[in-house]
């Protein structure tokens, strides 16, 4: 019921520390999967949509995926999975089982089946150990809303234009 800290590097070479994210006041939603797992392939688009619905890691929830697939789920396999099932880089960190130490993270969290989705609160408590089955992106709402988490659109970095005047 308590989060296990890790510092790992995603498939793009960016390093993340779980407790730094939690200590900043954000929840963390983790997707444990394998590239060869058909239910994982079917539900990962819902995970990405939830990531988009909840602010693209800039709001209350940080999303990340952890590959458990042994022995072949290296960075290249995870990149190919993201390309095939998500149309490219999902925007959230993806850790492979090989270079990203995903297998060790999976063991640390005692994940017994794939896919597995967990939600960790900023106080390091695992508030949802197994969010499944995932029927749509809205399924995540049923787990997030009781925690007080609300949807927020992703920041675009563009200022909204209120009105235009043509001369």
N, C-alpha and C. Protein backbone atom coordinates (compact mmCIF):
# COMPACT_ATOMS: atom_id res chain seq x y z
N UNK A 1 0.81 -1.21 0.00
CA UNK A 1 0.00 0.00 0.00
C UNK A 1 0.85 1.26 0.00
N UNK A 2 2.15 1.12 0.06
CA UNK A 2 3.04 2.27 0.04
C UNK A 2 3.92 2.22 -1.20
N UNK A 3 4.09 3.36 -1.84
CA UNK A 3 4.89 3.43 -3.07
C UNK A 3 6.35 3.09 -2.79
N UNK A 4 6.98 2.51 -3.80
CA UNK A 4 8.40 2.20 -3.76
C UNK A 4 9.09 3.18 -4.70
N UNK A 5 10.06 3.92 -4.19
CA UNK A 5 10.73 4.94 -4.99
C UNK A 5 11.60 4.30 -6.07
N UNK A 6 11.75 5.01 -7.17
CA UNK A 6 12.70 4.62 -8.22
C UNK A 6 13.14 5.86 -8.98
N UNK A 7 14.31 5.77 -9.53
CA UNK A 7 14.83 6.78 -10.46
C UNK A 7 15.27 6.00 -11.68
N UNK A 8 14.60 6.24 -12.81
CA UNK A 8 14.89 5.49 -14.03
C UNK A 8 14.85 6.42 -15.23
N UNK A 9 15.38 5.90 -16.32
CA UNK A 9 15.47 6.64 -17.57
C UNK A 9 14.49 6.06 -18.58
N UNK A 10 13.69 6.95 -19.19
CA UNK A 10 12.69 6.48 -20.17
C UNK A 10 13.35 6.21 -21.52
N UNK A 11 12.53 5.81 -22.49
CA UNK A 11 13.07 5.42 -23.80
C UNK A 11 13.67 6.59 -24.57
N UNK A 12 13.45 7.81 -24.12
CA UNK A 12 14.01 8.99 -24.79
C UNK A 12 15.22 9.55 -24.05
N UNK A 13 15.65 8.87 -22.99
CA UNK A 13 16.85 9.30 -22.26
C UNK A 13 16.58 10.29 -21.15
N UNK A 14 15.32 10.54 -20.81
CA UNK A 14 14.96 11.45 -19.71
C UNK A 14 14.85 10.66 -18.41
N UNK A 15 15.40 11.20 -17.33
CA UNK A 15 15.39 10.53 -16.04
C UNK A 15 14.28 11.08 -15.16
N UNK A 16 13.57 10.18 -14.49
CA UNK A 16 12.45 10.54 -13.62
C UNK A 16 12.63 9.88 -12.26
N UNK A 17 12.29 10.62 -11.21
CA UNK A 17 12.29 10.08 -9.86
C UNK A 17 10.86 10.13 -9.34
N UNK A 18 10.32 8.99 -8.96
CA UNK A 18 8.93 8.90 -8.53
C UNK A 18 8.64 9.80 -7.33
N UNK A 19 9.46 9.73 -6.29
CA UNK A 19 9.16 10.50 -5.08
C UNK A 19 9.27 12.00 -5.32
N UNK A 20 10.08 12.44 -6.27
CA UNK A 20 10.14 13.87 -6.59
C UNK A 20 8.81 14.35 -7.16
N UNK A 21 8.20 13.52 -7.98
CA UNK A 21 6.89 13.86 -8.56
C UNK A 21 5.83 13.88 -7.46
N UNK A 22 5.80 12.85 -6.63
CA UNK A 22 4.83 12.78 -5.54
C UNK A 22 5.03 13.92 -4.55
N UNK A 23 6.28 14.20 -4.20
CA UNK A 23 6.56 15.26 -3.23
C UNK A 23 6.20 16.64 -3.77
N UNK A 24 6.06 16.77 -5.09
CA UNK A 24 5.62 18.03 -5.70
C UNK A 24 4.10 18.17 -5.65
N UNK A 25 3.43 17.17 -5.05
CA UNK A 25 1.98 17.25 -4.88
C UNK A 25 1.16 16.63 -5.98
N UNK A 26 1.79 15.89 -6.88
CA UNK A 26 1.05 15.26 -7.97
C UNK A 26 0.81 13.78 -7.68
N UNK A 27 -0.32 13.28 -8.16
CA UNK A 27 -0.59 11.86 -8.17
C UNK A 27 0.20 11.25 -9.32
N UNK A 28 0.43 9.95 -9.28
CA UNK A 28 1.06 9.23 -10.38
C UNK A 28 0.19 8.04 -10.74
N UNK A 29 -0.14 7.94 -12.03
CA UNK A 29 -0.88 6.79 -12.55
C UNK A 29 0.09 6.00 -13.43
N UNK A 30 0.29 4.73 -13.06
CA UNK A 30 1.25 3.89 -13.77
C UNK A 30 0.54 2.77 -14.51
N UNK A 31 0.98 2.56 -15.74
CA UNK A 31 0.49 1.48 -16.60
C UNK A 31 1.59 0.43 -16.68
N UNK A 32 1.35 -0.75 -16.13
CA UNK A 32 2.28 -1.87 -16.25
C UNK A 32 1.79 -2.75 -17.39
N UNK A 33 2.66 -3.05 -18.34
CA UNK A 33 2.23 -3.76 -19.55
C UNK A 33 3.42 -4.52 -20.15
N UNK A 34 3.13 -5.26 -21.21
CA UNK A 34 4.16 -5.88 -22.05
C UNK A 34 3.76 -5.64 -23.50
N UNK A 35 4.74 -5.48 -24.35
CA UNK A 35 4.45 -5.16 -25.75
C UNK A 35 3.69 -6.28 -26.46
N UNK A 36 3.85 -7.52 -26.02
CA UNK A 36 3.20 -8.67 -26.65
C UNK A 36 1.80 -8.95 -26.08
N UNK A 37 1.40 -8.25 -25.04
CA UNK A 37 0.15 -8.49 -24.32
C UNK A 37 -1.03 -7.86 -25.08
N UNK A 38 -1.95 -8.69 -25.58
CA UNK A 38 -3.08 -8.18 -26.36
C UNK A 38 -4.01 -7.29 -25.52
N UNK A 39 -4.38 -7.66 -24.29
CA UNK A 39 -5.20 -6.73 -23.50
C UNK A 39 -4.48 -5.39 -23.27
N UNK A 40 -3.16 -5.42 -23.16
CA UNK A 40 -2.38 -4.18 -23.02
C UNK A 40 -2.50 -3.33 -24.28
N UNK A 41 -2.40 -3.97 -25.40
CA UNK A 41 -2.53 -3.27 -26.69
C UNK A 41 -3.92 -2.66 -26.83
N UNK A 42 -4.93 -3.35 -26.33
CA UNK A 42 -6.31 -2.86 -26.45
C UNK A 42 -6.62 -1.71 -25.51
N UNK A 43 -6.00 -1.67 -24.32
CA UNK A 43 -6.35 -0.64 -23.34
C UNK A 43 -5.43 0.57 -23.34
N UNK A 44 -4.25 0.46 -23.94
CA UNK A 44 -3.31 1.59 -23.89
C UNK A 44 -3.87 2.86 -24.56
N UNK A 45 -4.70 2.79 -25.60
CA UNK A 45 -5.28 4.04 -26.12
C UNK A 45 -6.16 4.75 -25.08
N UNK A 46 -6.82 4.01 -24.19
CA UNK A 46 -7.62 4.62 -23.13
C UNK A 46 -6.73 5.32 -22.11
N UNK A 47 -5.58 4.71 -21.82
CA UNK A 47 -4.61 5.31 -20.90
C UNK A 47 -4.11 6.63 -21.49
N UNK A 48 -3.80 6.63 -22.79
CA UNK A 48 -3.33 7.87 -23.42
C UNK A 48 -4.43 8.93 -23.41
N UNK A 49 -5.67 8.54 -23.66
CA UNK A 49 -6.77 9.52 -23.64
C UNK A 49 -6.94 10.09 -22.24
N UNK A 50 -6.79 9.26 -21.21
CA UNK A 50 -6.86 9.77 -19.84
C UNK A 50 -5.73 10.77 -19.59
N UNK A 51 -4.54 10.47 -20.10
CA UNK A 51 -3.40 11.40 -20.01
C UNK A 51 -3.78 12.75 -20.63
N UNK A 52 -4.43 12.71 -21.79
CA UNK A 52 -4.86 13.95 -22.46
C UNK A 52 -5.96 14.64 -21.67
N UNK A 53 -6.87 13.86 -21.09
CA UNK A 53 -7.99 14.42 -20.33
C UNK A 53 -7.54 15.09 -19.03
N UNK A 54 -6.42 14.65 -18.49
CA UNK A 54 -5.97 15.14 -17.19
C UNK A 54 -4.71 16.01 -17.29
N UNK A 55 -4.55 16.73 -18.40
CA UNK A 55 -3.56 17.79 -18.46
C UNK A 55 -2.19 17.44 -18.98
N UNK A 56 -2.01 16.27 -19.55
CA UNK A 56 -0.71 15.91 -20.18
C UNK A 56 0.48 16.07 -19.24
N UNK A 57 0.33 15.56 -18.02
CA UNK A 57 1.38 15.57 -17.00
C UNK A 57 1.75 16.96 -16.50
N UNK A 58 0.88 17.95 -16.71
CA UNK A 58 1.15 19.30 -16.22
C UNK A 58 0.17 19.72 -15.12
N UNK A 59 -0.73 18.81 -14.73
CA UNK A 59 -1.76 19.16 -13.75
C UNK A 59 -1.62 18.27 -12.51
N UNK A 60 -2.72 17.67 -12.08
CA UNK A 60 -2.76 16.91 -10.83
C UNK A 60 -2.20 15.50 -10.93
N UNK A 61 -2.17 14.93 -12.15
CA UNK A 61 -1.78 13.54 -12.35
C UNK A 61 -0.64 13.45 -13.36
N UNK A 62 0.37 12.66 -13.02
CA UNK A 62 1.45 12.34 -13.95
C UNK A 62 1.27 10.88 -14.37
N UNK A 63 1.23 10.64 -15.66
CA UNK A 63 1.07 9.31 -16.22
C UNK A 63 2.44 8.79 -16.65
N UNK A 64 2.67 7.49 -16.46
CA UNK A 64 3.88 6.85 -16.97
C UNK A 64 3.59 5.37 -17.21
N UNK A 65 4.31 4.80 -18.17
CA UNK A 65 4.12 3.39 -18.47
C UNK A 65 5.41 2.63 -18.20
N UNK A 66 5.23 1.38 -17.75
CA UNK A 66 6.35 0.53 -17.36
C UNK A 66 6.19 -0.81 -18.05
N UNK A 67 7.13 -1.14 -18.93
CA UNK A 67 7.09 -2.42 -19.63
C UNK A 67 7.70 -3.52 -18.77
N UNK A 68 7.02 -4.65 -18.73
CA UNK A 68 7.48 -5.80 -17.97
C UNK A 68 7.95 -6.91 -18.90
N UNK A 69 7.69 -6.77 -20.20
CA UNK A 69 7.94 -7.85 -21.15
C UNK A 69 9.39 -8.30 -21.20
N UNK A 70 9.64 -9.52 -20.83
CA UNK A 70 10.99 -10.10 -20.87
C UNK A 70 11.04 -11.18 -21.94
N UNK A 71 12.14 -11.38 -22.63
CA UNK A 71 13.36 -10.58 -22.52
C UNK A 71 13.44 -9.48 -23.57
N UNK A 72 12.41 -9.34 -24.41
CA UNK A 72 12.55 -8.51 -25.61
C UNK A 72 12.11 -7.06 -25.47
N UNK A 73 11.51 -6.66 -24.39
CA UNK A 73 10.99 -5.30 -24.30
C UNK A 73 12.09 -4.30 -23.95
N UNK A 74 12.94 -4.06 -24.95
CA UNK A 74 13.97 -3.03 -24.80
C UNK A 74 13.39 -1.70 -25.29
N UNK A 75 14.21 -0.66 -25.31
CA UNK A 75 13.72 0.66 -25.73
C UNK A 75 13.14 0.62 -27.13
N UNK A 76 13.77 -0.09 -28.06
CA UNK A 76 13.28 -0.16 -29.44
C UNK A 76 11.90 -0.82 -29.49
N UNK A 77 11.69 -1.88 -28.71
CA UNK A 77 10.39 -2.57 -28.70
C UNK A 77 9.30 -1.67 -28.13
N UNK A 78 9.62 -0.91 -27.07
CA UNK A 78 8.64 0.00 -26.48
C UNK A 78 8.32 1.14 -27.45
N UNK A 79 9.33 1.66 -28.11
CA UNK A 79 9.12 2.70 -29.12
C UNK A 79 8.19 2.18 -30.22
N UNK A 80 8.43 0.95 -30.69
CA UNK A 80 7.59 0.35 -31.73
C UNK A 80 6.16 0.15 -31.22
N UNK A 81 6.00 -0.28 -29.97
CA UNK A 81 4.68 -0.45 -29.37
C UNK A 81 3.93 0.88 -29.37
N UNK A 82 4.61 1.95 -28.89
CA UNK A 82 3.99 3.27 -28.86
C UNK A 82 3.60 3.73 -30.26
N UNK A 83 4.45 3.47 -31.22
CA UNK A 83 4.15 3.87 -32.61
C UNK A 83 2.97 3.10 -33.17
N UNK A 84 2.92 1.81 -32.90
CA UNK A 84 1.86 0.95 -33.44
C UNK A 84 0.51 1.21 -32.79
N UNK A 85 0.49 1.29 -31.46
CA UNK A 85 -0.79 1.35 -30.74
C UNK A 85 -1.22 2.75 -30.32
N UNK A 86 -0.28 3.72 -30.41
CA UNK A 86 -0.62 5.09 -30.02
C UNK A 86 -0.32 6.10 -31.13
N UNK A 87 0.18 5.64 -32.25
CA UNK A 87 0.47 6.54 -33.36
C UNK A 87 1.74 7.36 -33.18
N UNK A 88 2.57 6.98 -32.24
CA UNK A 88 3.82 7.70 -31.99
C UNK A 88 4.04 7.91 -30.51
N UNK A 89 4.90 8.85 -30.19
CA UNK A 89 5.25 9.15 -28.80
C UNK A 89 4.00 9.55 -28.04
N UNK A 90 3.68 8.86 -26.94
CA UNK A 90 2.46 9.19 -26.21
C UNK A 90 2.53 10.50 -25.44
N UNK A 91 3.74 11.01 -25.19
CA UNK A 91 3.89 12.25 -24.43
C UNK A 91 4.24 12.02 -22.98
N UNK A 92 3.94 10.86 -22.45
CA UNK A 92 4.29 10.53 -21.07
C UNK A 92 5.50 9.60 -21.09
N UNK A 93 6.25 9.51 -19.97
CA UNK A 93 7.43 8.65 -19.96
C UNK A 93 7.07 7.17 -20.07
N UNK A 94 7.85 6.47 -20.88
CA UNK A 94 7.73 5.02 -21.04
C UNK A 94 9.06 4.39 -20.66
N UNK A 95 9.02 3.43 -19.75
CA UNK A 95 10.23 2.75 -19.29
C UNK A 95 10.22 1.32 -19.82
N UNK A 96 11.27 0.94 -20.53
CA UNK A 96 11.35 -0.43 -21.03
C UNK A 96 11.78 -1.37 -19.92
N UNK A 97 11.52 -2.66 -20.12
CA UNK A 97 11.90 -3.64 -19.10
C UNK A 97 13.41 -3.81 -19.04
N UNK A 98 14.10 -3.53 -20.14
CA UNK A 98 15.54 -3.75 -20.19
C UNK A 98 16.29 -2.48 -19.78
N UNK A 99 16.36 -1.48 -20.66
CA UNK A 99 17.13 -0.27 -20.37
C UNK A 99 16.48 0.61 -19.30
N UNK A 100 15.17 0.58 -19.18
CA UNK A 100 14.46 1.41 -18.22
C UNK A 100 14.18 0.73 -16.90
N UNK A 101 14.67 -0.52 -16.74
CA UNK A 101 14.52 -1.27 -15.50
C UNK A 101 13.07 -1.53 -15.13
N UNK A 102 12.21 -1.61 -16.15
CA UNK A 102 10.79 -1.84 -15.91
C UNK A 102 10.48 -3.14 -15.20
N UNK A 103 11.29 -4.16 -15.46
CA UNK A 103 11.05 -5.44 -14.79
C UNK A 103 11.24 -5.31 -13.28
N UNK A 104 12.25 -4.58 -12.85
CA UNK A 104 12.49 -4.40 -11.42
C UNK A 104 11.39 -3.55 -10.78
N UNK A 105 10.93 -2.52 -11.50
CA UNK A 105 9.84 -1.70 -10.97
C UNK A 105 8.59 -2.57 -10.79
N UNK A 106 8.31 -3.42 -11.77
CA UNK A 106 7.16 -4.32 -11.70
C UNK A 106 7.25 -5.25 -10.50
N UNK A 107 8.42 -5.79 -10.25
CA UNK A 107 8.62 -6.66 -9.09
C UNK A 107 8.43 -5.86 -7.81
N UNK A 108 8.96 -4.64 -7.76
CA UNK A 108 8.84 -3.80 -6.56
C UNK A 108 7.39 -3.54 -6.20
N UNK A 109 6.52 -3.47 -7.22
CA UNK A 109 5.10 -3.19 -6.99
C UNK A 109 4.24 -4.46 -6.94
N UNK A 110 4.90 -5.62 -7.00
CA UNK A 110 4.21 -6.90 -6.88
C UNK A 110 3.07 -7.04 -7.90
N UNK A 111 3.34 -6.62 -9.12
CA UNK A 111 2.35 -6.71 -10.19
C UNK A 111 2.23 -8.17 -10.62
N UNK A 112 1.01 -8.69 -10.58
CA UNK A 112 0.76 -10.11 -10.86
C UNK A 112 0.18 -10.38 -12.24
N UNK A 113 -0.43 -9.38 -12.87
CA UNK A 113 -1.04 -9.59 -14.18
C UNK A 113 -0.93 -8.33 -15.01
N UNK A 114 -1.04 -8.52 -16.31
CA UNK A 114 -0.92 -7.39 -17.24
C UNK A 114 -2.16 -7.30 -18.11
N UNK A 115 -2.61 -6.09 -18.42
CA UNK A 115 -2.10 -4.83 -17.90
C UNK A 115 -2.58 -4.59 -16.47
N UNK A 116 -1.82 -3.80 -15.76
CA UNK A 116 -2.19 -3.35 -14.42
C UNK A 116 -2.01 -1.84 -14.37
N UNK A 117 -2.98 -1.17 -13.81
CA UNK A 117 -2.93 0.27 -13.65
C UNK A 117 -3.04 0.57 -12.17
N UNK A 118 -2.12 1.41 -11.65
CA UNK A 118 -2.18 1.78 -10.24
C UNK A 118 -2.18 3.30 -10.13
N UNK A 119 -2.70 3.79 -9.02
CA UNK A 119 -2.73 5.22 -8.74
C UNK A 119 -2.08 5.46 -7.38
N UNK A 120 -1.09 6.35 -7.37
CA UNK A 120 -0.34 6.66 -6.15
C UNK A 120 -0.62 8.12 -5.77
N UNK A 121 -0.95 8.35 -4.51
CA UNK A 121 -1.23 9.68 -3.99
C UNK A 121 0.08 10.39 -3.61
N UNK A 122 0.03 11.72 -3.54
CA UNK A 122 1.24 12.48 -3.16
C UNK A 122 1.83 12.09 -1.81
N UNK A 123 1.03 11.49 -0.92
CA UNK A 123 1.56 11.05 0.37
C UNK A 123 2.22 9.68 0.30
N UNK A 124 2.45 9.19 -0.95
CA UNK A 124 3.14 7.92 -1.24
C UNK A 124 2.27 6.69 -1.01
N UNK A 125 0.98 6.88 -0.79
CA UNK A 125 0.05 5.77 -0.60
C UNK A 125 -0.48 5.31 -1.94
N UNK A 126 -0.50 4.00 -2.15
CA UNK A 126 -1.13 3.45 -3.36
C UNK A 126 -2.63 3.42 -3.07
N UNK A 127 -3.37 4.33 -3.70
CA UNK A 127 -4.80 4.43 -3.42
C UNK A 127 -5.63 3.51 -4.31
N UNK A 128 -5.08 3.10 -5.43
CA UNK A 128 -5.72 2.10 -6.30
C UNK A 128 -4.64 1.14 -6.77
N UNK A 129 -4.73 -0.12 -6.35
CA UNK A 129 -3.71 -1.11 -6.68
C UNK A 129 -3.99 -1.80 -8.00
N UNK A 130 -5.25 -1.87 -8.41
CA UNK A 130 -5.56 -2.58 -9.65
C UNK A 130 -6.79 -1.96 -10.30
N UNK A 131 -6.55 -0.99 -11.17
CA UNK A 131 -7.65 -0.39 -11.93
C UNK A 131 -7.83 -1.23 -13.18
N UNK A 132 -8.80 -2.10 -13.16
CA UNK A 132 -9.04 -2.99 -14.29
C UNK A 132 -10.36 -3.69 -14.04
N UNK A 133 -11.16 -3.98 -15.05
CA UNK A 133 -10.89 -3.76 -16.47
C UNK A 133 -11.09 -2.29 -16.87
N UNK A 134 -10.41 -1.92 -17.90
CA UNK A 134 -10.51 -0.56 -18.45
C UNK A 134 -11.32 -0.66 -19.74
N UNK A 135 -12.55 -0.15 -19.69
CA UNK A 135 -13.45 -0.23 -20.85
C UNK A 135 -13.36 1.00 -21.75
N UNK A 136 -12.87 2.12 -21.19
CA UNK A 136 -12.73 3.37 -21.94
C UNK A 136 -11.89 4.32 -21.09
N UNK A 137 -11.56 5.47 -21.63
CA UNK A 137 -10.82 6.47 -20.85
C UNK A 137 -11.64 6.93 -19.65
N UNK A 138 -12.96 6.90 -19.78
CA UNK A 138 -13.83 7.32 -18.68
C UNK A 138 -13.71 6.40 -17.46
N UNK A 139 -13.25 5.18 -17.66
CA UNK A 139 -13.06 4.28 -16.53
C UNK A 139 -12.09 4.89 -15.51
N UNK A 140 -11.07 5.61 -16.00
CA UNK A 140 -10.11 6.24 -15.09
C UNK A 140 -10.81 7.28 -14.21
N UNK A 141 -11.83 7.95 -14.76
CA UNK A 141 -12.58 8.94 -13.97
C UNK A 141 -13.15 8.31 -12.70
N UNK A 142 -13.63 7.08 -12.80
CA UNK A 142 -14.25 6.43 -11.64
C UNK A 142 -13.25 6.22 -10.50
N UNK A 143 -11.99 6.15 -10.84
CA UNK A 143 -10.94 6.02 -9.82
C UNK A 143 -10.37 7.38 -9.40
N UNK A 144 -10.34 8.32 -10.34
CA UNK A 144 -9.73 9.63 -10.08
C UNK A 144 -10.65 10.58 -9.32
N UNK A 145 -11.94 10.62 -9.70
CA UNK A 145 -12.87 11.57 -9.08
C UNK A 145 -12.95 11.43 -7.56
N UNK A 146 -13.00 10.20 -6.99
CA UNK A 146 -13.04 10.09 -5.52
C UNK A 146 -11.79 10.67 -4.84
N UNK A 147 -10.72 10.81 -5.57
CA UNK A 147 -9.49 11.40 -5.03
C UNK A 147 -9.49 12.93 -5.16
N UNK A 148 -10.56 13.47 -5.76
CA UNK A 148 -10.64 14.91 -5.96
C UNK A 148 -9.93 15.39 -7.21
N UNK A 149 -9.56 14.45 -8.08
CA UNK A 149 -8.87 14.81 -9.32
C UNK A 149 -9.89 15.21 -10.37
N UNK A 150 -9.59 16.26 -11.10
CA UNK A 150 -10.50 16.76 -12.12
C UNK A 150 -9.80 16.84 -13.47
N UNK A 151 -10.59 16.69 -14.50
CA UNK A 151 -10.05 16.79 -15.85
C UNK A 151 -9.60 18.22 -16.13
N UNK A 152 -8.56 18.33 -16.94
CA UNK A 152 -8.03 19.62 -17.34
C UNK A 152 -7.41 19.44 -18.72
N UNK A 153 -7.75 20.31 -19.67
CA UNK A 153 -7.17 20.15 -21.00
C UNK A 153 -5.66 20.37 -20.97
N UNK A 154 -4.99 19.79 -21.93
CA UNK A 154 -3.54 19.96 -22.05
C UNK A 154 -3.23 21.40 -22.43
N UNK A 155 -2.16 21.92 -21.85
CA UNK A 155 -1.71 23.27 -22.21
C UNK A 155 -1.13 23.23 -23.62
N UNK A 156 -1.51 24.19 -24.42
CA UNK A 156 -1.01 24.22 -25.79
C UNK A 156 0.19 25.12 -25.94
N UNK A 157 0.38 26.04 -25.00
CA UNK A 157 1.48 26.99 -25.12
C UNK A 157 1.12 28.18 -26.00
N UNK A 158 -0.10 28.19 -26.52
CA UNK A 158 -0.56 29.27 -27.37
C UNK A 158 -1.56 30.12 -26.60
N UNK A 159 -1.49 31.41 -26.77
CA UNK A 159 -2.48 32.29 -26.16
C UNK A 159 -3.75 32.25 -26.99
N UNK A 160 -4.86 32.15 -26.31
CA UNK A 160 -6.14 32.11 -27.01
C UNK A 160 -6.46 33.50 -27.55
N UNK A 161 -6.88 33.57 -28.81
CA UNK A 161 -7.24 34.83 -29.42
C UNK A 161 -8.72 35.07 -29.16
N UNK A 162 -9.05 36.18 -28.49
CA UNK A 162 -10.44 36.47 -28.12
C UNK A 162 -11.25 37.00 -29.29
N UNK A 163 -10.65 37.86 -30.09
CA UNK A 163 -11.37 38.38 -31.26
C UNK A 163 -10.36 38.88 -32.28
N UNK A 164 -10.78 38.87 -33.50
CA UNK A 164 -9.96 39.37 -34.59
C UNK A 164 -10.69 40.47 -35.32
N UNK A 165 -10.00 41.49 -35.70
CA UNK A 165 -10.60 42.56 -36.48
C UNK A 165 -9.87 42.66 -37.80
N UNK A 166 -10.63 42.59 -38.86
CA UNK A 166 -10.03 42.72 -40.19
C UNK A 166 -10.15 44.16 -40.66
N UNK A 167 -9.11 44.68 -41.25
CA UNK A 167 -9.13 46.06 -41.76
C UNK A 167 -9.11 46.04 -43.26
